[in-house]
Amino acid sequence: MSRLNGRVRDAFLVVGIAVGLTFPVAVQGDEVGGEGVVIPSSVPGGGLEYVGTDECLDCHEDLEQSFSRNLHSKASYWNANAVGCEDCHGPGSAHAEEGGDVRLGSPADLVARASDAVCLTCHDGELNRSYWRGSDHEQLEVTCVSCHSVHSNFEHMLNNPDQSETCFKCHTDQRTFTFKRSFHPLTDSTRKDGLGKMTCSSCHNAHGSQSEKLLAANTVNELCYECHAEMQAPVLWEHSPVKENCLNCHSPHGSNYPNLLVTQRTRLCQECHEAGRHQSLAGENISFMVLNRSCNNCHAQVHGSNHPAGLKLKR
């Protein structure tokens, strides 16, 4: 038995036992309510053997047609130890002998860590998955197959052609924000497929990150500067909240206020700046200080100024 095949089988059994997996090595359909499950095992005498992909194709030609067009199907060309379908589903001898009455094992049938272990047999150690163990998704038992499908032909082998929709299945609040007046281009009604210039992975790494909220950068500002580079340059007169965190003023997933602001300008500024002699409090006479761009009518360089007289961010 090749080293790769043994690792796949051990991933199903050993990891499964460690996290409380209760599936037997092989069970007949009538023993588990009409549908059996086979969990690959390296236990001596388990009686499970690899039968090869050709055996699978005798019955599953439809799956082969879709699978042959995605990246996983190429693995057999890159790895001489690959055995095709059974790399992920385990030895298929019992399934083939019983004509399908004994169902093959599948990562979707396993508890979270055991399911992930099957995929990580090949994908462990990849750079963008370095922080998977202990990540928010891993702790919440979101598995690889929650978002991906081995048989998928969509980008990144996702379950859905729209990456954002895959995330929105769980992150419903963020979906709501994207329908507000001001939003990032996650969708584009002018395109036939409706997909936008950005996706969730433009800012987040679903496989784990050393930053909070699975950010794909060390800090919020560092991430924002990747697109908004004009805000990054050092300035003579800084606006402290801006340099501290862009989220002090902006809501990244969407807002009902212009420019993704967390609230209307006058109120936003007065969270830090007292009204003083400015007629901008509720109940005061209407003035230019609360009309149009309100505070920005005068303090236009809110992100900082390099003008020698720009102390108050007016120029």
Protein backbone atom coordinates (compact mmCIF):
# COMPACT_ATOMS: atom_id res chain seq x y z
CA MET A 1 0.00 0.00 0.00
CA SER A 2 1.47 3.37 -0.98
CA ARG A 3 2.38 6.00 1.58
CA LEU A 4 -0.29 8.40 0.25
CA ASN A 5 -3.06 5.82 0.40
CA GLY A 6 -2.13 4.86 3.94
CA ARG A 7 -2.26 8.48 5.06
CA VAL A 8 -5.73 8.92 3.59
CA ARG A 9 -7.00 5.81 5.31
CA ASP A 10 -5.47 6.79 8.64
CA ALA A 11 -7.00 10.25 8.33
CA PHE A 12 -10.46 8.68 8.28
CA LEU A 13 -9.93 6.19 11.08
CA VAL A 14 -7.38 7.60 13.53
CA VAL A 15 -8.60 11.20 13.47
CA GLY A 16 -12.18 10.00 13.51
CA ILE A 17 -11.64 8.00 16.68
CA ALA A 18 -9.82 10.90 18.33
CA VAL A 19 -12.83 13.20 17.90
CA GLY A 20 -15.49 10.65 18.72
CA LEU A 21 -16.34 9.22 15.30
CA THR A 22 -18.92 6.46 15.71
CA PHE A 23 -19.12 5.06 12.17
CA PRO A 24 -18.09 1.39 11.95
CA VAL A 25 -15.51 0.27 9.41
CA ALA A 26 -18.22 -1.12 7.15
CA VAL A 27 -21.92 -1.53 7.72
CA GLN A 28 -24.76 -2.87 5.61
CA GLY A 29 -27.61 -0.57 4.67
CA ASP A 30 -30.27 -2.18 6.85
CA GLU A 31 -28.08 -1.78 9.93
CA VAL A 32 -28.14 2.02 9.80
CA GLY A 33 -31.62 2.85 8.70
CA GLY A 34 -31.33 2.00 5.03
CA GLU A 35 -28.04 3.58 4.02
CA GLY A 36 -24.64 2.19 4.96
CA VAL A 37 -21.32 3.95 5.27
CA VAL A 38 -17.83 2.65 4.68
CA ILE A 39 -15.02 4.34 6.58
CA PRO A 40 -11.58 3.38 5.25
CA SER A 41 -9.45 1.61 7.84
CA SER A 42 -5.90 0.38 8.17
CA VAL A 43 -6.90 -2.13 10.84
CA PRO A 44 -5.57 -5.58 9.90
CA GLY A 45 -8.36 -7.80 8.72
CA GLY A 46 -10.57 -4.88 7.85
CA GLY A 47 -11.05 -6.47 4.46
CA LEU A 48 -11.14 -3.20 2.51
CA GLU A 49 -9.15 -2.93 -0.71
CA TYR A 50 -8.66 -0.38 -3.45
CA VAL A 51 -10.43 -1.31 -6.68
CA GLY A 52 -9.30 1.56 -8.91
CA THR A 53 -11.05 4.41 -10.70
CA ASP A 54 -12.06 2.28 -13.69
CA GLU A 55 -14.26 0.23 -11.39
CA CYS A 56 -15.93 3.42 -10.14
CA LEU A 57 -16.62 4.64 -13.66
CA ASP A 58 -18.70 1.59 -14.48
CA CYS A 59 -21.52 3.16 -12.43
CA HIS A 60 -20.52 6.78 -11.88
CA GLU A 61 -19.80 8.01 -15.37
CA ASP A 62 -21.76 11.23 -14.76
CA LEU A 63 -19.52 12.20 -11.85
CA GLU A 64 -16.44 11.46 -13.88
CA GLN A 65 -17.49 13.86 -16.62
CA SER A 66 -17.66 16.78 -14.20
CA PHE A 67 -14.68 15.69 -12.12
CA SER A 68 -12.42 15.29 -15.15
CA ARG A 69 -12.66 19.03 -15.86
CA ASN A 70 -11.45 20.30 -12.49
CA LEU A 71 -8.05 20.61 -10.88
CA HIS A 72 -8.28 17.56 -8.63
CA SER A 73 -8.56 15.26 -11.60
CA LYS A 74 -5.05 16.29 -12.62
CA ALA A 75 -3.57 14.93 -9.38
CA SER A 76 -3.04 11.51 -10.93
CA TYR A 77 -0.65 13.11 -13.40
CA TRP A 78 1.34 14.87 -10.67
CA ASN A 79 1.46 12.08 -8.11
CA ALA A 80 2.30 8.54 -9.10
CA ASN A 81 0.76 7.23 -5.86
CA ALA A 82 -2.69 8.67 -6.54
CA VAL A 83 -5.54 6.19 -6.93
CA GLY A 84 -8.29 8.55 -8.10
CA CYS A 85 -11.69 8.45 -6.44
CA GLU A 86 -10.42 6.36 -3.53
CA ASP A 87 -7.89 9.02 -2.51
CA CYS A 88 -10.79 10.87 -0.88
CA HIS A 89 -13.46 8.17 -0.50
CA GLY A 90 -11.23 5.36 0.70
CA PRO A 91 -11.07 1.71 -0.47
CA GLY A 92 -14.14 0.79 -2.51
CA SER A 93 -14.08 -3.01 -2.43
CA ALA A 94 -17.10 -3.42 -0.14
CA HIS A 95 -19.06 -0.80 -2.07
CA ALA A 96 -18.33 -2.47 -5.42
CA GLU A 97 -19.00 -6.01 -4.21
CA GLU A 98 -22.40 -5.06 -2.78
CA GLY A 99 -23.45 -3.10 -5.85
CA GLY A 100 -23.63 0.16 -3.94
CA ASP A 101 -25.66 -1.10 -0.97
CA VAL A 102 -22.67 -0.31 1.21
CA ARG A 103 -21.92 3.38 0.72
CA LEU A 104 -18.41 4.70 0.34
CA GLY A 105 -16.95 6.94 2.98
CA SER A 106 -17.07 10.66 2.27
CA PRO A 107 -15.59 13.69 4.05
CA ALA A 108 -19.15 15.03 4.30
CA ASP A 109 -20.09 12.05 6.51
CA LEU A 110 -17.37 12.71 9.08
CA VAL A 111 -17.20 15.01 12.06
CA ALA A 112 -15.36 18.27 11.41
CA ARG A 113 -11.74 17.50 12.26
CA ALA A 114 -11.86 14.07 10.65
CA SER A 115 -13.39 15.56 7.50
CA ASP A 116 -10.71 18.24 7.32
CA ALA A 117 -7.98 15.67 7.86
CA VAL A 118 -8.89 13.94 4.60
CA CYS A 119 -8.35 17.18 2.63
CA LEU A 120 -5.29 18.19 4.63
CA THR A 121 -3.63 14.93 3.69
CA CYS A 122 -2.67 16.75 0.48
CA HIS A 123 -3.31 20.41 1.29
CA ASP A 124 -1.61 20.67 4.66
CA GLY A 125 1.40 22.97 4.60
CA GLU A 126 0.16 25.25 1.82
CA LEU A 127 0.96 28.85 2.63
CA ASN A 128 -2.59 30.24 2.73
CA ARG A 129 -3.67 27.40 5.03
CA SER A 130 -0.89 27.85 7.59
CA TYR A 131 -3.30 29.27 10.15
CA TRP A 132 -6.20 26.87 9.61
CA ARG A 133 -5.71 24.98 12.88
CA GLY A 134 -7.13 27.13 15.64
CA SER A 135 -8.76 29.59 13.24
CA ASP A 136 -12.28 30.90 13.80
CA HIS A 137 -13.74 28.65 11.12
CA GLU A 138 -11.95 25.56 12.39
CA GLN A 139 -13.11 26.24 15.96
CA LEU A 140 -16.70 26.63 14.76
CA GLU A 141 -16.42 23.27 12.93
CA VAL A 142 -16.76 24.74 9.48
CA THR A 143 -15.20 22.07 7.28
CA CYS A 144 -13.57 22.09 3.87
CA VAL A 145 -16.69 20.56 2.32
CA SER A 146 -18.86 23.29 3.86
CA CYS A 147 -17.52 25.58 1.14
CA HIS A 148 -15.79 23.34 -1.41
CA SER A 149 -16.72 20.32 -3.48
CA VAL A 150 -14.19 17.88 -4.88
CA HIS A 151 -16.38 17.49 -7.96
CA SER A 152 -16.98 21.21 -8.51
CA ASN A 153 -15.96 23.06 -11.65
CA PHE A 154 -16.43 26.53 -10.15
CA GLU A 155 -13.49 28.77 -9.30
CA HIS A 156 -11.54 27.48 -6.30
CA MET A 157 -13.82 24.42 -6.45
CA LEU A 158 -16.49 26.23 -4.42
CA ASN A 159 -20.01 24.94 -3.97
CA ASN A 160 -21.35 28.14 -5.52
CA PRO A 161 -20.08 30.08 -8.57
CA ASP A 162 -20.26 33.30 -6.54
CA GLN A 163 -17.70 33.26 -3.75
CA SER A 164 -19.60 35.90 -1.79
CA GLU A 165 -22.77 33.81 -1.84
CA THR A 166 -20.81 30.92 -0.37
CA CYS A 167 -19.82 33.12 2.58
CA PHE A 168 -23.26 34.71 2.91
CA LYS A 169 -24.79 31.32 3.73
CA CYS A 170 -23.48 31.89 7.25
CA HIS A 171 -22.68 35.60 7.30
CA THR A 172 -26.19 36.88 6.69
CA ASP A 173 -25.58 40.26 8.36
CA GLN A 174 -22.85 41.02 5.86
CA ARG A 175 -25.20 40.16 3.00
CA THR A 176 -27.63 42.77 4.33
CA PHE A 177 -24.92 45.44 4.42
CA THR A 178 -24.09 44.89 0.74
CA PHE A 179 -27.61 46.04 -0.22
CA LYS A 180 -27.23 49.39 1.49
CA ARG A 181 -26.75 52.69 -0.32
CA SER A 182 -22.94 52.69 -0.14
CA PHE A 183 -21.06 49.43 -0.59
CA HIS A 184 -17.93 47.79 -1.91
CA PRO A 185 -18.23 46.25 -5.41
CA LEU A 186 -19.05 42.69 -4.35
CA THR A 187 -21.81 42.62 -6.95
CA ASP A 188 -22.22 44.29 -10.34
CA SER A 189 -25.67 44.48 -11.90
CA THR A 190 -24.16 45.46 -15.27
CA ARG A 191 -22.54 42.04 -15.65
CA LYS A 192 -24.50 39.02 -16.78
CA ASP A 193 -23.17 36.86 -13.96
CA GLY A 194 -23.70 39.64 -11.41
CA LEU A 195 -20.20 39.14 -9.95
CA GLY A 196 -18.36 42.20 -8.73
CA LYS A 197 -14.75 43.36 -8.85
CA MET A 198 -14.23 42.23 -5.26
CA THR A 199 -14.96 39.07 -3.31
CA CYS A 200 -14.84 38.26 0.39
CA SER A 201 -11.34 36.86 -0.07
CA SER A 202 -10.17 40.28 -1.26
CA CYS A 203 -10.08 41.18 2.43
CA HIS A 204 -10.37 37.91 4.36
CA ASN A 205 -8.59 34.56 4.36
CA ALA A 206 -11.22 31.94 5.13
CA HIS A 207 -8.49 29.39 5.91
CA GLY A 208 -7.13 31.35 8.84
CA SER A 209 -5.08 34.44 9.58
CA GLN A 210 -2.82 35.83 12.28
CA SER A 211 -5.06 38.91 12.35
CA GLU A 212 -8.52 39.35 13.84
CA LYS A 213 -11.61 38.71 11.70
CA LEU A 214 -9.53 36.48 9.39
CA LEU A 215 -8.09 39.58 7.69
CA ALA A 216 -5.71 38.95 4.82
CA ALA A 217 -3.29 41.55 6.19
CA ASN A 218 -1.63 42.43 9.48
CA THR A 219 -3.93 45.38 10.21
CA VAL A 220 -7.14 46.93 8.90
CA ASN A 221 -5.33 49.98 7.55
CA GLU A 222 -2.69 47.89 5.79
CA LEU A 223 -5.49 46.03 4.06
CA CYS A 224 -7.34 49.19 3.02
CA TYR A 225 -4.15 50.75 1.66
CA GLU A 226 -3.86 47.96 -0.90
CA CYS A 227 -6.61 49.72 -2.85
CA HIS A 228 -6.64 53.18 -1.28
CA ALA A 229 -2.91 53.84 -1.56
CA GLU A 230 -3.39 57.62 -1.60
CA MET A 231 -4.38 57.43 2.08
CA GLN A 232 -1.18 55.68 3.13
CA ALA A 233 1.48 58.31 2.45
CA PRO A 234 2.83 60.12 5.54
CA VAL A 235 1.47 63.64 5.95
CA LEU A 236 2.58 66.74 7.80
CA TRP A 237 -0.73 67.10 9.64
CA GLU A 238 -2.25 63.75 10.58
CA HIS A 239 -5.79 62.99 11.69
CA SER A 240 -5.22 60.52 14.51
CA PRO A 241 -8.40 58.40 14.18
CA VAL A 242 -7.64 57.92 10.48
CA LYS A 243 -4.13 56.58 11.09
CA GLU A 244 -5.34 54.45 13.97
CA ASN A 245 -8.06 52.48 12.18
CA CYS A 246 -10.12 53.12 9.04
CA LEU A 247 -13.08 51.44 10.77
CA ASN A 248 -13.32 54.34 13.21
CA CYS A 249 -15.20 56.16 10.47
CA HIS A 250 -16.06 53.59 7.78
CA SER A 251 -18.22 50.46 7.68
CA PRO A 252 -16.50 48.12 5.18
CA HIS A 253 -19.44 45.88 4.27
CA GLY A 254 -21.88 48.68 3.48
CA SER A 255 -23.63 51.74 4.87
CA ASN A 256 -26.62 53.97 4.28
CA TYR A 257 -24.31 57.00 4.47
CA PRO A 258 -21.96 58.20 1.70
CA ASN A 259 -18.45 56.77 1.42
CA LEU A 260 -19.27 53.86 3.73
CA LEU A 261 -19.38 56.16 6.75
CA VAL A 262 -20.69 54.63 9.97
CA THR A 263 -23.08 57.56 10.53
CA GLN A 264 -23.81 61.01 9.10
CA ARG A 265 -20.89 63.42 9.00
CA THR A 266 -21.85 65.95 11.64
CA ARG A 267 -22.62 63.30 14.22
CA LEU A 268 -19.56 61.26 13.27
CA CYS A 269 -17.20 64.19 13.79
CA GLN A 270 -18.86 65.17 17.05
CA GLU A 271 -18.15 61.76 18.52
CA CYS A 272 -14.67 63.20 19.10
CA HIS A 273 -15.05 66.95 18.56
CA GLU A 274 -17.39 69.03 20.73
CA ALA A 275 -19.66 71.37 18.80
CA GLY A 276 -18.13 74.48 20.40
CA ARG A 277 -18.95 77.59 18.41
CA HIS A 278 -20.12 75.58 15.41
CA GLN A 279 -23.90 75.68 14.90
CA SER A 280 -24.18 71.96 14.31
CA LEU A 281 -26.11 70.59 17.29
CA ALA A 282 -29.67 69.30 17.06
CA GLY A 283 -32.10 72.16 17.61
CA GLU A 284 -29.71 74.86 16.47
CA ASN A 285 -30.43 77.06 13.48
CA ILE A 286 -29.70 75.44 10.13
CA SER A 287 -26.30 76.51 8.82
CA PHE A 288 -23.80 75.52 6.16
CA MET A 289 -22.05 73.48 8.85
CA VAL A 290 -24.73 70.78 8.64
CA LEU A 291 -25.58 71.02 4.92
CA ASN A 292 -24.07 69.19 1.96
CA ARG A 293 -20.76 67.70 3.20
CA SER A 294 -21.18 69.43 6.59
CA CYS A 295 -17.82 69.42 8.42
CA ASN A 296 -16.03 68.55 5.18
CA ASN A 297 -17.26 71.79 3.62
CA CYS A 298 -14.32 73.39 5.41
CA HIS A 299 -12.22 70.53 6.71
CA ALA A 300 -11.86 68.87 3.33
CA GLN A 301 -8.56 67.06 3.99
CA VAL A 302 -9.93 64.79 6.69
CA HIS A 303 -7.38 62.05 5.91
CA GLY A 304 -4.45 64.43 6.52
CA SER A 305 -2.77 67.43 4.93
CA ASN A 306 0.70 68.33 3.70
CA HIS A 307 -0.08 72.04 3.35
CA PRO A 308 1.98 74.26 5.70
CA ALA A 309 -1.27 75.90 6.85
CA GLY A 310 -3.21 72.62 7.02
CA LEU A 311 -3.27 72.27 10.79
CA LYS A 312 -7.06 72.20 10.86
CA LEU A 313 -7.16 69.95 7.77
CA LYS A 314 -8.72 72.72 5.68
CA ARG A 315 -6.20 72.61 2.83
